[in-house]
Amino acid sequence: MKMTLRQLSLFQCVARHMSFTKAAEEMHLTQPAVSIQLKQLEEHVGMPLFEQVGKKLFLTNAGRELQHSCEDIFSRLDNLEMALTQMKGVMHGSLRIASVSSAKYFVPHLLGDFHRQYPEITLSLQVNNRGQILRRLMNNEDDLALMAQVPDDMKLCSYPIIDNPMIAIAPPDHPLVGKKALPPSVLQEECFLMREEGSGSRKAIEDHFRHNGIELNQTMELGSSETIKQGVMAGLGLSVLSRHSVALELATGCLVALDVETLPILWTWCLVHHQEKKLSPAAQAFLDHVLTHREQVKVLIDNLFLDASLH
């Protein structure tokens, strides 16, 4: 086959947008120029790569196969470029990190510390819930992901970084505030604010209470940790959230941690990638940087909490 990298790049752009018009705009070409290149690519392949149903564009089976191959080809070329620049003593390239939403309070600081050491690496951070992060890992959309609940039934490599304690929170005027060693059963009659399906924190709460024989009678689903914090402060109910996400509210007295016997739920923040993924030099450098400075990472995050308490 006499495919060119230019044709594959155009194909990848059309497949990403599912639009010749948007691909032409991104690549600064006319739509007919894109169509001609894709037509030539289809002639090399010997099969159509796209099909149009109504006004929508879809990949054919051959198109999906080529899309997977393009991801591998361009990933290898990116890695080659990074490896060559590394040989010259300068690390270039890009790093794509995905993070669950409850880690968004400190992950920028990890990236900032890394960026100071490798300023030529372009950084990208996506924040999603756990379910979306796992889908992104399976689709090879990110180099590394930061999460606290790594499933055992998926082909993932995980590297523990720091503990992630999840605590019960309440508004300061709640009747349970100040009481010691509360049995978890007292939470059964409380309205509990929960994240959406697919959230790691929701799964942790449900697994914990199920393990302790607790059935929550009233739950309210809210879309983010920020909304849950506001809901608890407004008196809508109680919740369990990562201590990392409520440090400021605890320090300022807007929220109070409840002393529940079976809490906190202890998870560990981990950097994760697919077992079959070959890490780029930039991704490997970030992983090595975080693991080598694990104690400094812990101090960094503890200092974030300390700064919050001082304010």
Foldseek 3Di string as FASTA:
>chain_A
DPQDLVLLVLLLLCQVVQDLCVSCVVVVHDSVVSVVSQVVVCVVVVHHQWDDDPNGIDGDPVVVVSNVVSVVVVVVVQLVVQVVVVVVVAGAGEFEEEEEQQCPLCVVVLVVVVCVVHVRYHYHYHYHAQQVVVVCQVVVVGQKYKDFDDDPPAQKDKDFFFKWWKFKKAFLPDPQPPDAAAEPQVQQAWEEEAEDPRHPQRVLVVVLCVVVVHDRPHYDYDHHPVVRLVCRLVVVTMYIGTCLNCLLCCLVRSMHTGHYNSDTDMTTIIMMHGNPDDHRPVSVSSVCVSVVCSVVSVVVSVVVSVVSNVD
